[in-house]
C-alpha atoms as a PDB file:
ATOM      1  CA  MET A   1     174.651 119.684 138.699  1.00  0.00           C
ATOM      2  CA  LYS A   2     172.291 122.641 139.224  1.00  0.00           C
ATOM      3  CA  LYS A   3     171.537 122.649 135.563  1.00  0.00           C
ATOM      4  CA  LEU A   4     170.813 118.802 135.528  1.00  0.00           C
ATOM      5  CA  GLY A   5     168.182 119.474 138.422  1.00  0.00           C
ATOM      6  CA  ILE A   6     166.386 122.225 136.605  1.00  0.00           C
ATOM      7  CA  MET A   7     166.156 119.903 133.519  1.00  0.00           C
ATOM      8  CA  ILE A   8     164.732 117.263 135.638  1.00  0.00           C
ATOM      9  CA  ILE A   9     162.145 119.503 137.226  1.00  0.00           C
ATOM     10  CA  ALA A  10     161.169 120.861 133.840  1.00  0.00           C
ATOM     11  CA  PHE A  11     160.755 117.317 132.446  1.00  0.00           C
ATOM     12  CA  VAL A  12     158.566 116.369 135.324  1.00  0.00           C
ATOM     13  CA  LEU A  13     156.553 119.526 134.920  1.00  0.00           C
ATOM     14  CA  LEU A  14     155.954 118.848 131.238  1.00  0.00           C
ATOM     15  CA  PHE A  15     155.011 115.259 131.765  1.00  0.00           C
ATOM     16  CA  TRP A  16     152.362 116.547 134.409  1.00  0.00           C
ATOM     17  CA  LEU A  17     151.085 119.133 131.907  1.00  0.00           C
ATOM     18  CA  VAL A  18     150.749 116.524 129.097  1.00  0.00           C
ATOM     19  CA  ASN A  19     148.856 114.241 131.424  1.00  0.00           C
ATOM     20  CA  CYS A  20     146.408 116.940 132.600  1.00  0.00           C
ATOM     21  CA  ALA A  21     145.710 117.798 128.897  1.00  0.00           C
ATOM     22  CA  ASN A  22     145.089 114.176 127.979  1.00  0.00           C
ATOM     23  CA  GLU A  23     142.818 113.847 131.071  1.00  0.00           C
ATOM     24  CA  ASN A  24     140.806 116.932 130.040  1.00  0.00           C
ATOM     25  CA  GLN A  25     140.615 115.757 126.519  1.00  0.00           C
ATOM     26  CA  ASP A  26     139.338 112.252 127.762  1.00  0.00           C
ATOM     27  CA  VAL A  27     136.686 113.928 129.838  1.00  0.00           C
ATOM     28  CA  SER A  28     135.536 116.130 127.038  1.00  0.00           C
ATOM     29  CA  GLN A  29     135.222 113.153 124.634  1.00  0.00           C
ATOM     30  CA  ALA A  30     133.254 111.300 127.433  1.00  0.00           C
ATOM     31  CA  GLU A  31     130.915 114.212 127.654  1.00  0.00           C
ATOM     32  CA  LEU A  32     130.572 114.248 123.748  1.00  0.00           C
ATOM     33  CA  THR A  33     129.806 110.549 123.699  1.00  0.00           C
ATOM     34  CA  GLU A  34     127.118 110.926 126.366  1.00  0.00           C
ATOM     35  CA  SER A  35     125.519 113.793 124.594  1.00  0.00           C
ATOM     36  CA  LEU A  36     125.374 112.004 121.251  1.00  0.00           C
ATOM     37  CA  LYS A  37     123.765 108.957 123.109  1.00  0.00           C
ATOM     38  CA  GLU A  38     121.084 111.357 124.474  1.00  0.00           C
ATOM     39  CA  ILE A  39     120.480 112.833 120.927  1.00  0.00           C
ATOM     40  CA  VAL A  40     120.051 109.206 119.475  1.00  0.00           C
ATOM     41  CA  SER A  41     117.912 107.874 122.276  1.00  0.00           C
ATOM     42  CA  ALA A  42     115.557 110.783 122.113  1.00  0.00           C
ATOM     43  CA  ASP A  43     114.880 110.661 118.200  1.00  0.00           C
ATOM     44  CA  GLU A  44     111.702 109.196 116.830  1.00  0.00           C
ATOM     45  CA  ILE A  45     113.678 107.400 114.068  1.00  0.00           C
ATOM     46  CA  ILE A  46     114.563 104.554 116.386  1.00  0.00           C
ATOM     47  CA  ASP A  47     110.993 104.113 117.649  1.00  0.00           C
ATOM     48  CA  LEU A  48     109.501 100.530 117.526  1.00  0.00           C
ATOM     49  CA  GLU A  49     105.981 101.291 118.421  1.00  0.00           C
ATOM     50  CA  MET A  50     104.406  99.976 115.154  1.00  0.00           C
ATOM     51  CA  LEU A  51     105.556  96.452 116.094  1.00  0.00           C
ATOM     52  CA  ASP A  52     103.027  96.488 118.736  1.00  0.00           C
ATOM     53  CA  ASP A  53      99.683  94.836 117.630  1.00  0.00           C
ATOM     54  CA  GLY A  54      98.073  95.410 120.940  1.00  0.00           C
ATOM     55  CA  GLU A  55      96.143  92.118 120.594  1.00  0.00           C
ATOM     56  CA  ALA A  56      95.590  89.102 118.546  1.00  0.00           C
ATOM     57  CA  LEU A  57      94.410  90.329 115.158  1.00  0.00           C
ATOM     58  CA  PRO A  58      93.446  88.801 111.837  1.00  0.00           C
ATOM     59  CA  VAL A  59      96.422  87.964 109.462  1.00  0.00           C
ATOM     60  CA  THR A  60      95.160  90.900 107.328  1.00  0.00           C
ATOM     61  CA  TYR A  61      93.772  93.972 109.113  1.00  0.00           C
ATOM     62  CA  ASP A  62      93.602  97.754 108.845  1.00  0.00           C
ATOM     63  CA  VAL A  63      93.624 100.359 111.666  1.00  0.00           C
ATOM     64  CA  GLY A  64      92.751 104.091 110.795  1.00  0.00           C
ATOM     65  CA  GLU A  65      92.585 105.251 107.121  1.00  0.00           C
ATOM     66  CA  LEU A  66      94.938 103.043 105.432  1.00  0.00           C
ATOM     67  CA  ALA A  67      93.604 101.943 102.211  1.00  0.00           C
ATOM     68  CA  LYS A  68      92.749  98.420 101.160  1.00  0.00           C
ATOM     69  CA  ALA A  69      95.186  95.827  99.882  1.00  0.00           C
ATOM     70  CA  VAL A  70      94.967  92.432  97.970  1.00  0.00           C
ATOM     71  CA  GLY A  71      96.178  89.212  99.578  1.00  0.00           C
ATOM     72  CA  ASP A  72      95.054  85.643 100.211  1.00  0.00           C
ATOM     73  CA  THR A  73      93.705  84.581 103.407  1.00  0.00           C
ATOM     74  CA  PHE A  74      95.867  82.329 105.849  1.00  0.00           C
ATOM     75  CA  PRO A  75      95.550  78.766 104.690  1.00  0.00           C
ATOM     76  CA  VAL A  76      93.450  77.199 107.564  1.00  0.00           C
ATOM     77  CA  ASP A  77      90.142  75.801 106.324  1.00  0.00           C
ATOM     78  CA  PHE A  78      87.998  75.437 109.483  1.00  0.00           C
ATOM     79  CA  ARG A  79      89.411  78.205 111.769  1.00  0.00           C
ATOM     80  CA  GLN A  80      90.348  81.695 111.413  1.00  0.00           C
ATOM     81  CA  VAL A  81      93.751  82.450 113.147  1.00  0.00           C
ATOM     82  CA  ARG A  82      94.356  85.806 114.923  1.00  0.00           C
ATOM     83  CA  PHE A  83      97.700  86.631 116.362  1.00  0.00           C
ATOM     84  CA  GLY A  84      99.730  89.557 117.288  1.00  0.00           C
ATOM     85  CA  ARG A  85     102.623  91.071 119.452  1.00  0.00           C
ATOM     86  CA  ILE A  86     101.868  92.723 122.662  1.00  0.00           C
ATOM     87  CA  LEU A  87     104.982  94.676 123.865  1.00  0.00           C
ATOM     88  CA  VAL A  88     105.404  94.681 127.707  1.00  0.00           C
ATOM     89  CA  GLY A  89     107.502  97.233 129.533  1.00  0.00           C
ATOM     90  CA  LYS A  90     109.948  99.750 128.164  1.00  0.00           C
ATOM     91  CA  PRO A  91     112.429  98.550 125.605  1.00  0.00           C
ATOM     92  CA  GLU A  92     115.966  98.385 126.935  1.00  0.00           C
ATOM     93  CA  ARG A  93     118.269 100.208 124.708  1.00  0.00           C
ATOM     94  CA  ASN A  94     122.122 100.295 124.330  1.00  0.00           C
ATOM     95  CA  VAL A  95     123.976 102.935 122.274  1.00  0.00           C
ATOM     96  CA  GLU A  96     127.494 102.580 121.285  1.00  0.00           C
ATOM     97  CA  ILE A  97     129.060 105.689 119.720  1.00  0.00           C
ATOM     98  CA  THR A  98     132.109 105.559 117.209  1.00  0.00           C
ATOM     99  CA  LEU A  99     133.714 109.003 116.932  1.00  0.00           C
ATOM    100  CA  ALA A 100     135.538 110.754 114.187  1.00  0.00           C
ATOM    101  CA  GLU A 101     136.572 114.271 113.835  1.00  0.00           C
ATOM    102  CA  THR A 102     133.095 115.675 112.696  1.00  0.00           C
ATOM    103  CA  THR A 103     131.143 112.584 112.182  1.00  0.00           C
ATOM    104  CA  ALA A 104     129.981 109.677 114.570  1.00  0.00           C
ATOM    105  CA  ILE A 105     128.402 106.373 114.000  1.00  0.00           C
ATOM    106  CA  ALA A 106     125.754 105.107 116.601  1.00  0.00           C
ATOM    107  CA  LEU A 107     124.955 101.326 116.896  1.00  0.00           C
ATOM    108  CA  VAL A 108     121.550 101.049 118.768  1.00  0.00           C
ATOM    109  CA  THR A 109     120.670  97.569 120.263  1.00  0.00           C
ATOM    110  CA  THR A 110     117.203  97.308 121.549  1.00  0.00           C
ATOM    111  CA  THR A 111     115.787  94.265 123.569  1.00  0.00           C
ATOM    112  CA  MET A 112     112.111  94.114 123.621  1.00  0.00           C
ATOM    113  CA  THR A 113     109.888  91.698 125.620  1.00  0.00           C
ATOM    114  CA  GLY A 114     106.342  90.953 125.435  1.00  0.00           C
ATOM    115  CA  LYS A 115     103.544  88.467 124.833  1.00  0.00           C
ATOM    116  CA  PHE A 116     102.677  86.798 121.465  1.00  0.00           C
ATOM    117  CA  LYS A 117      98.999  85.951 121.606  1.00  0.00           C
ATOM    118  CA  VAL A 118      97.348  83.543 119.365  1.00  0.00           C
ATOM    119  CA  VAL A 119      93.447  83.014 119.076  1.00  0.00           C
ATOM    120  CA  LEU A 120      91.709  80.448 116.883  1.00  0.00           C
ATOM    121  CA  ILE A 121      88.278  81.178 115.956  1.00  0.00           C
ATOM    122  CA  ASP A 122      85.622  78.761 114.392  1.00  0.00           C
ATOM    123  CA  THR A 123      84.415  80.121 111.272  1.00  0.00           C
ATOM    124  CA  VAL A 124      80.995  78.668 111.607  1.00  0.00           C
ATOM    125  CA  THR A 125      80.009  79.680 115.188  1.00  0.00           C
ATOM    126  CA  ARG A 126      82.379  82.611 115.233  1.00  0.00           C
ATOM    127  CA  THR A 127      83.449  81.530 118.861  1.00  0.00           C
ATOM    128  CA  VAL A 128      86.912  81.136 120.230  1.00  0.00           C
ATOM    129  CA  VAL A 129      88.113  77.476 119.948  1.00  0.00           C
ATOM    130  CA  ASP A 130      91.432  77.867 121.576  1.00  0.00           C
ATOM    131  CA  SER A 131      94.254  80.552 122.557  1.00  0.00           C
ATOM    132  CA  VAL A 132      97.702  80.721 123.874  1.00  0.00           C
ATOM    133  CA  SER A 133      99.931  83.448 124.981  1.00  0.00           C
ATOM    134  CA  LYS A 134     103.719  83.022 124.700  1.00  0.00           C
ATOM    135  CA  ASP A 135     106.574  85.089 126.029  1.00  0.00           C
ATOM    136  CA  PHE A 136     108.931  86.408 123.541  1.00  0.00           C
ATOM    137  CA  THR A 137     112.297  88.443 123.451  1.00  0.00           C
ATOM    138  CA  GLU A 138     113.302  90.205 120.307  1.00  0.00           C
ATOM    139  CA  ILE A 139     116.497  92.149 119.819  1.00  0.00           C
ATOM    140  CA  THR A 140     116.949  94.776 117.033  1.00  0.00           C
ATOM    141  CA  LYS A 141     119.973  96.649 115.690  1.00  0.00           C
ATOM    142  CA  GLN A 142     120.168  99.903 113.799  1.00  0.00           C
ATOM    143  CA  LYS A 143     123.039 102.313 112.782  1.00  0.00           C
ATOM    144  CA  LEU A 144     122.738 106.124 112.710  1.00  0.00           C
ATOM    145  CA  ARG A 145     125.204 108.482 111.217  1.00  0.00           C
ATOM    146  CA  LEU A 146     125.633 111.859 113.025  1.00  0.00           C
ATOM    147  CA  ARG A 147     127.517 114.919 111.846  1.00  0.00           C
ATOM    148  CA  ARG A 148     128.597 117.980 113.413  1.00  0.00           C
ATOM    149  CA  VAL A 149     126.997 121.136 111.903  1.00  0.00           C
ATOM    150  CA  ARG A 150     127.938 123.703 114.353  1.00  0.00           C
ATOM    151  CA  PHE A 151     131.118 124.550 116.467  1.00  0.00           C
ATOM    152  CA  THR A 152     129.821 125.807 119.808  1.00  0.00           C
ATOM    153  CA  ASP A 153     130.329 124.263 123.353  1.00  0.00           C
ATOM    154  CA  ASN A 154     126.846 122.618 123.236  1.00  0.00           C
ATOM    155  CA  PRO A 155     127.079 119.308 121.627  1.00  0.00           C
ATOM    156  CA  LYS A 156     123.336 118.854 121.454  1.00  0.00           C
ATOM    157  CA  ARG A 157     123.027 121.975 119.273  1.00  0.00           C
ATOM    158  CA  ASP A 158     126.141 121.116 117.177  1.00  0.00           C
ATOM    159  CA  TRP A 159     125.305 117.432 116.110  1.00  0.00           C
ATOM    160  CA  ARG A 160     122.524 116.096 113.951  1.00  0.00           C
ATOM    161  CA  ILE A 161     121.467 112.753 112.913  1.00  0.00           C
ATOM    162  CA  VAL A 162     121.835 112.887 109.035  1.00  0.00           C
ATOM    163  CA  ALA A 163     121.334 109.239 108.031  1.00  0.00           C
ATOM    164  CA  VAL A 164     119.918 105.908 109.282  1.00  0.00           C
ATOM    165  CA  SER A 165     120.140 102.282 108.380  1.00  0.00           C
ATOM    166  CA  PRO A 166     117.009 100.022 108.261  1.00  0.00           C
ATOM    167  CA  ILE A 167     116.344  98.093 111.475  1.00  0.00           C
ATOM    168  CA  ILE A 168     117.096  94.351 111.752  1.00  0.00           C
ATOM    169  CA  GLY A 169     115.293  92.324 114.461  1.00  0.00           C
ATOM    170  CA  ARG A 170     115.455  88.752 115.470  1.00  0.00           C
ATOM    171  CA  SER A 171     113.927  86.656 118.176  1.00  0.00           C
ATOM    172  CA  LEU A 172     116.191  84.915 120.581  1.00  0.00           C
ATOM    173  CA  ASP A 173     115.472  81.427 119.179  1.00  0.00           C
ATOM    174  CA  ASN A 174     115.648  82.743 115.572  1.00  0.00           C
ATOM    175  CA  TYR A 175     116.766  80.514 112.807  1.00  0.00           C
ATOM    176  CA  LEU A 176     114.985  82.370 109.840  1.00  0.00           C
ATOM    177  CA  GLU A 177     116.617  85.160 107.844  1.00  0.00           C
ATOM    178  CA  ILE A 178     115.475  87.735 105.242  1.00  0.00           C
ATOM    179  CA  GLN A 179     117.604  88.051 102.075  1.00  0.00           C
ATOM    180  CA  ARG A 180     115.906  90.716 100.041  1.00  0.00           C
ATOM    181  CA  LEU A 181     113.115  93.213  99.862  1.00  0.00           C
ATOM    182  CA  ARG A 182     111.836  94.944  96.812  1.00  0.00           C
ATOM    183  CA  LEU A 183     109.058  97.369  96.639  1.00  0.00           C
ATOM    184  CA  GLN A 184     107.645  98.784  93.427  1.00  0.00           C
ATOM    185  CA  GLN A 185     104.906 100.912  92.272  1.00  0.00           C
ATOM    186  CA  ARG A 186     102.702  98.931  89.886  1.00  0.00           C
ATOM    187  CA  HIS A 187     103.876  99.327  86.290  1.00  0.00           C
ATOM    188  CA  GLY A 188     106.683 101.504  87.572  1.00  0.00           C
ATOM    189  CA  GLU A 189     110.357 101.362  88.719  1.00  0.00           C
ATOM    190  CA  TRP A 190     111.419  99.797  92.015  1.00  0.00           C
ATOM    191  CA  ALA A 191     111.034 102.359  94.846  1.00  0.00           C
ATOM    192  CA  LEU A 192     113.152 100.358  97.109  1.00  0.00           C
ATOM    193  CA  GLU A 193     115.446  97.351  96.992  1.00  0.00           C
ATOM    194  CA  LEU A 194     117.426  96.200  99.992  1.00  0.00           C
ATOM    195  CA  SER A 195     119.516  93.056 100.728  1.00  0.00           C
ATOM    196  CA  ASN A 196     121.391  91.622 103.726  1.00  0.00           C
ATOM    197  CA  ASP A 197     124.158  88.916 104.115  1.00  0.00           C
ATOM    198  CA  SER A 198     125.557  86.919 106.938  1.00  0.00           C
ATOM    199  CA  SER A 199     127.461  89.991 108.256  1.00  0.00           C
ATOM    200  CA  ASP A 200     124.381  92.039 108.437  1.00  0.00           C
ATOM    201  CA  SER A 201     125.490  94.427 105.522  1.00  0.00           C
ATOM    202  CA  LEU A 202     121.996  95.994 105.634  1.00  0.00           C
ATOM    203  CA  LEU A 203     123.172  97.913 108.674  1.00  0.00           C
ATOM    204  CA  ASN A 204     125.691  99.734 106.544  1.00  0.00           C
ATOM    205  CA  TYR A 205     123.029 100.879 104.078  1.00  0.00           C
ATOM    206  CA  PHE A 206     122.259 104.486 105.027  1.00  0.00           C
ATOM    207  CA  LEU A 207     119.124 106.362 104.253  1.00  0.00           C
ATOM    208  CA  ASP A 208     119.464 110.090 104.060  1.00  0.00           C
ATOM    209  CA  ARG A 209     117.340 111.531 106.949  1.00  0.00           C
ATOM    210  CA  GLU A 210     115.943 114.458 104.797  1.00  0.00           C
ATOM    211  CA  GLN A 211     115.335 112.120 101.802  1.00  0.00           C
ATOM    212  CA  LEU A 212     113.700 108.934 103.185  1.00  0.00           C
ATOM    213  CA  VAL A 213     111.796 106.667 100.857  1.00  0.00           C
ATOM    214  CA  SER A 214     108.733 108.590  99.739  1.00  0.00           C
ATOM    215  CA  LEU A 215     105.644 106.645  98.674  1.00  0.00           C
ATOM    216  CA  LYS A 216     102.859 107.937  96.758  1.00  0.00           C
ATOM    217  CA  ALA A 217      99.564 108.569  98.670  1.00  0.00           C
ATOM    218  CA  GLN A 218      96.831 106.058  97.073  1.00  0.00           C
ATOM    219  CA  GLY A 219      99.676 104.432  95.228  1.00  0.00           C
ATOM    220  CA  VAL A 220      99.542 100.707  94.635  1.00  0.00           C
ATOM    221  CA  TYR A 221     102.864  98.745  95.159  1.00  0.00           C
ATOM    222  CA  ASP A 222     104.146  95.255  94.617  1.00  0.00           C
ATOM    223  CA  ILE A 223     106.193  93.945  97.425  1.00  0.00           C
ATOM    224  CA  ALA A 224     108.537  91.011  97.237  1.00  0.00           C
ATOM    225  CA  VAL A 225     110.395  89.452 100.181  1.00  0.00           C
ATOM    226  CA  THR A 226     112.976  86.582  99.711  1.00  0.00           C
ATOM    227  CA  VAL A 227     113.537  84.327 102.734  1.00  0.00           C
ATOM    228  CA  ASP A 228     117.116  83.119 102.918  1.00  0.00           C
ATOM    229  CA  LYS A 229     116.736  80.247 105.050  1.00  0.00           C
ATOM    230  CA  PRO A 230     113.246  78.821 104.458  1.00  0.00           C
ATOM    231  CA  LEU A 231     111.821  75.979 106.532  1.00  0.00           C
ATOM    232  CA  LEU A 232     112.201  73.255 103.672  1.00  0.00           C
ATOM    233  CA  TYR A 233     111.734  70.514 105.890  1.00  0.00           C
ATOM    234  CA  HIS A 234     108.932  71.592 108.329  1.00  0.00           C
ATOM    235  CA  ASP A 235     105.376  70.795 107.662  1.00  0.00           C
ATOM    236  CA  LEU A 236     104.139  74.309 108.595  1.00  0.00           C
ATOM    237  CA  GLY A 237     106.830  76.560 107.033  1.00  0.00           C
ATOM    238  CA  GLU A 238     106.970  80.093 107.665  1.00  0.00           C
ATOM    239  CA  LEU A 239     104.434  82.945 107.438  1.00  0.00           C
ATOM    240  CA  VAL A 240     105.497  86.304 105.860  1.00  0.00           C
ATOM    241  CA  THR A 241     103.601  89.552 106.275  1.00  0.00           C
ATOM    242  CA  THR A 242     104.229  93.201 105.647  1.00  0.00           C
ATOM    243  CA  ASP A 243     103.104  95.806 108.070  1.00  0.00           C
ATOM    244  CA  PHE A 244     103.058  99.554 107.366  1.00  0.00           C
ATOM    245  CA  GLY A 245     101.822 102.857 108.772  1.00  0.00           C
ATOM    246  CA  ILE A 246     102.473 104.453 112.205  1.00  0.00           C
ATOM    247  CA  GLY A 247     101.237 102.518 115.148  1.00  0.00           C
ATOM    248  CA  ILE A 248      98.105 100.667 116.575  1.00  0.00           C
ATOM    249  CA  GLY A 249      95.283 103.126 117.024  1.00  0.00           C
ATOM    250  CA  LEU A 250      96.551 105.454 114.340  1.00  0.00           C
ATOM    251  CA  LEU A 251      97.511 104.327 110.834  1.00  0.00           C
ATOM    252  CA  LYS A 252      98.564 100.678 110.689  1.00  0.00           C
ATOM    253  CA  CYS A 253      97.953  97.577 108.635  1.00  0.00           C
ATOM    254  CA  ARG A 254      99.120  94.161 108.128  1.00  0.00           C
ATOM    255  CA  ARG A 255      99.216  92.215 104.822  1.00  0.00           C
ATOM    256  CA  TYR A 256      99.834  88.459 104.273  1.00  0.00           C
ATOM    257  CA  LEU A 257     102.363  87.644 101.416  1.00  0.00           C
ATOM    258  CA  THR A 258     102.133  84.358  99.424  1.00  0.00           C
ATOM    259  CA  ASP A 259     104.913  82.203  97.826  1.00  0.00           C
ATOM    260  CA  GLU A 260     102.860  80.985  94.823  1.00  0.00           C
ATOM    261  CA  ASP A 261     105.843  79.711  92.732  1.00  0.00           C
ATOM    262  CA  HIS A 262     107.299  77.859  95.922  1.00  0.00           C
ATOM    263  CA  ASP A 263     110.654  79.717  95.210  1.00  0.00           C
ATOM    264  CA  HIS A 264     110.931  81.363  98.776  1.00  0.00           C
ATOM    265  CA  VAL A 265     109.940  84.693  97.269  1.00  0.00           C
ATOM    266  CA  TYR A 266     106.785  86.005  99.162  1.00  0.00           C
ATOM    267  CA  THR A 267     104.761  88.553  97.020  1.00  0.00           C
ATOM    268  CA  GLY A 268     101.747  90.756  97.614  1.00  0.00           C
ATOM    269  CA  ILE A 269     100.058  93.954  96.796  1.00  0.00           C
ATOM    270  CA  VAL A 270      99.636  97.040  99.189  1.00  0.00           C
ATOM    271  CA  SER A 271      97.960 100.304  98.691  1.00  0.00           C
ATOM    272  CA  MET A 272      98.973 103.529 100.515  1.00  0.00           C
ATOM    273  CA  HIS A 273      96.532 105.588 102.401  1.00  0.00           C
ATOM    274  CA  GLY A 274      95.264 108.755 100.666  1.00  0.00           C
ATOM    275  CA  ARG A 275      96.925 111.735 102.340  1.00  0.00           C
ATOM    276  CA  ARG A 276     100.319 112.843 103.540  1.00  0.00           C
ATOM    277  CA  SER A 277     101.359 111.581 106.889  1.00  0.00           C
ATOM    278  CA  PRO A 278     104.059 111.968 109.609  1.00  0.00           C
ATOM    279  CA  MET A 279     106.973 109.432 109.472  1.00  0.00           C
ATOM    280  CA  CYS A 280     105.680 105.864 108.859  1.00  0.00           C
ATOM    281  CA  ARG A 281     107.355 102.563 109.011  1.00  0.00           C
ATOM    282  CA  LEU A 282     107.309  99.764 106.620  1.00  0.00           C
ATOM    283  CA  ALA A 283     108.080  96.372 108.240  1.00  0.00           C
ATOM    284  CA  VAL A 284     108.554  92.861 106.718  1.00  0.00           C
ATOM    285  CA  ASN A 285     108.026  89.922 109.220  1.00  0.00           C
ATOM    286  CA  VAL A 286     108.979  86.405 108.827  1.00  0.00           C
ATOM    287  CA  ILE A 287     107.701  84.028 111.483  1.00  0.00           C
ATOM    288  CA  SER A 288     107.717  80.258 111.948  1.00  0.00           C
ATOM    289  CA  ALA A 289     104.149  79.112 111.429  1.00  0.00           C
ATOM    290  CA  ALA A 290     104.756  76.710 114.356  1.00  0.00           C
ATOM    291  CA  SER A 291     105.028  79.599 116.620  1.00  0.00           C
ATOM    292  CA  ILE A 292     101.343  80.164 115.703  1.00  0.00           C
ATOM    293  CA  PHE A 293      99.927  76.529 115.585  1.00  0.00           C
ATOM    294  CA  VAL A 294     102.077  74.670 117.926  1.00  0.00           C
ATOM    295  CA  LYS A 295     101.678  75.609 121.569  1.00  0.00           C
ATOM    296  CA  SER A 296     105.057  74.172 122.866  1.00  0.00           C
ATOM    297  CA  GLU A 297     106.955  75.933 120.041  1.00  0.00           C
ATOM    298  CA  PRO A 298     108.754  79.260 121.019  1.00  0.00           C
ATOM    299  CA  VAL A 299     108.231  82.372 119.094  1.00  0.00           C
ATOM    300  CA  VAL A 300     110.701  82.279 116.146  1.00  0.00           C
ATOM    301  CA  SER A 301     110.846  85.495 113.986  1.00  0.00           C
ATOM    302  CA  THR A 302     112.902  88.017 112.081  1.00  0.00           C
ATOM    303  CA  PHE A 303     111.897  91.390 110.589  1.00  0.00           C
ATOM    304  CA  TRP A 304     113.228  94.560 109.004  1.00  0.00           C
ATOM    305  CA  ILE A 305     111.874  98.008 109.508  1.00  0.00           C
ATOM    306  CA  ILE A 306     112.276 100.967 107.010  1.00  0.00           C
ATOM    307  CA  PRO A 307     111.066 104.553 107.765  1.00  0.00           C
ATOM    308  CA  TYR A 308     109.176 106.302 105.000  1.00  0.00           C
ATOM    309  CA  TRP A 309     107.105 109.207 104.234  1.00  0.00           C
ATOM    310  CA  THR A 310     103.856 109.429 102.084  1.00  0.00           C
ATOM    311  CA  LYS A 311     103.409 112.158  99.370  1.00  0.00           C
ATOM    312  CA  SER A 312     100.577 113.538  97.638  1.00  0.00           C
END
């Protein structure tokens, strides 16, 4: 009987020790998860500043020292249209961490709100004919891969972001999708080719953090964007642009792409600025033209953003 009592006490003690160990492990994992969230939230790789136009601007514009590019004007005969996103407030970010032994995947979901401003100017009198400002909400997603590179008791020193996916963004009322992006130096090989499917496979395409896309300074590039769900039965259709650079007030430009063959592949030519630069962003934007020309229509848009460097 005495032996049975000792066994029961030993069993209870063992059960308590196991529970304590599990609780300590859970606390440690929770702390690690929070540290990884802080690493991701503080990194410039998730920055969306370049989406902010700051005001209504011509369909093709340059800010800073970005070089010239070739493109058709927006097909409006008697007015010049200007439009742009104006971000309002601080974006709301949610970071989800999936942990493995020495690696982790972070899914960053960002909600942005702002005003989409449209101004129509008479090309003869150069005066504003009409304008509208529409509220919009856009949600972006991006994945980042982290790796443990040290083994200390400080997660912020131990873990590094080693690879990132492009960013996919959509408005709340979106019904447009981008299927493919191709970027090629003139008379050269494709510098970049990306695609996406209905399950957002693009989020599983990782770019090495130390070997991002490198575009040549003063290089001239052909760009092609395939729209997966074009507005076939809408009088106005969609507008496709490419934005590249850093941010408004620094290096930033927007170029209008055209679909000359009516095959839903929008093409254009861009030229990089003539010097090395900090990390830039290349964005492809697809927006319903009704968002611009019909006051009662909501802002309908989708976009991809890819980080890149310029080299000499």
